[in-house]
Amino acid sequence: MEYLGYTASVLVGFVLGLLGGGGSILSIPILVYLFRIDAVLASAYSLFIVGTTSLVGAIPKYRDHLVNIKTGLLFGIPSIVVIFITRRWIVPAIPAAIYPIGSLEISKRLLLLGIFAVLMILASFSMIRGRKEPKNIIGPWRIPLTILEGILIGFLTGLVGAGGGFLIIPALVLLTQLPMKTASGTSLFIIAINSLIGFSGDLVNVDMDWPFLLKVTLLAIAGVHFGNVWAKRISNQKLRVGFGWFTLTMGCYILSRELFFP
């Protein structure tokens, strides 16, 4: 399983490069189910892996003019503050055993992975609908709406330890109305900032296995190069719908796994 985990780590980077998000959709299941790492520690590791890989992947996107820096900062700055607070103080305060419901006990692991899976499923619907890509229209509510989205997604990202691309991309496409490929590039920029700042909030609370963490991250970085190459060959609409189905599939898998096969 460990060797399979290392092989699958390359896919984390590939998905990030191809879609501009979705790395945590793979990294958290890989860390939890293949490497048998505790869900809370896996969420911290995922932030570093996805954040570092996204930073590397964002560089060629920026060179291709597919990163909207202004939108990224509007979205990212409020997210950074909320993510750090969530990872530093809120997540450590959640008890290991929360509440029993009959034979099912709501544990910290089930809460975090369950929220993660439900968010993935909800986010996937807007991407699968296959509507025509909206034109890039800047309205009077764009700036406050983007900031509000950053705060909300920052909290959710900090809570579940995900880079948040599966939430950020639908928000950028449907609400701030960026084209899909620009949203993907901007998402990598936002994910890099959010994830690495969020990870810094875990450094005080968690003992990191740095050799393991760096090994998985380097494999993911290798994958992001190939993802960037393939992203240039696929249309915006296909990327959007494919991302939605991928997110839905992984969300359903994680939710069913935690509820029925803990």
Foldseek 3Di string as FASTA:
>chain_A
DVVVLLVCLLVLLLCCLQQLFCSLLRQQCSCCPVVVDQQLVSLLLQLVLLLVLLVLSLVVCVVVVLADVVLLCLLQPLLLVLLLCCLQPVLVPAAQFHADDVPDTDGLNCVLLLLVLVLLQVLLVLLQPLDPFAAQDDDPCLRVVSNVLSNVQSNNCSSNSGLRLSPQQSCCRPPNRDQSSSSSSNSSVSSNSSSVSSSVSCPVPDDDPVVVSVSSSVSSNNSNVNSNVVNVVDDSSVSSNVSSVSSNVSSVVSNCCSPPPD
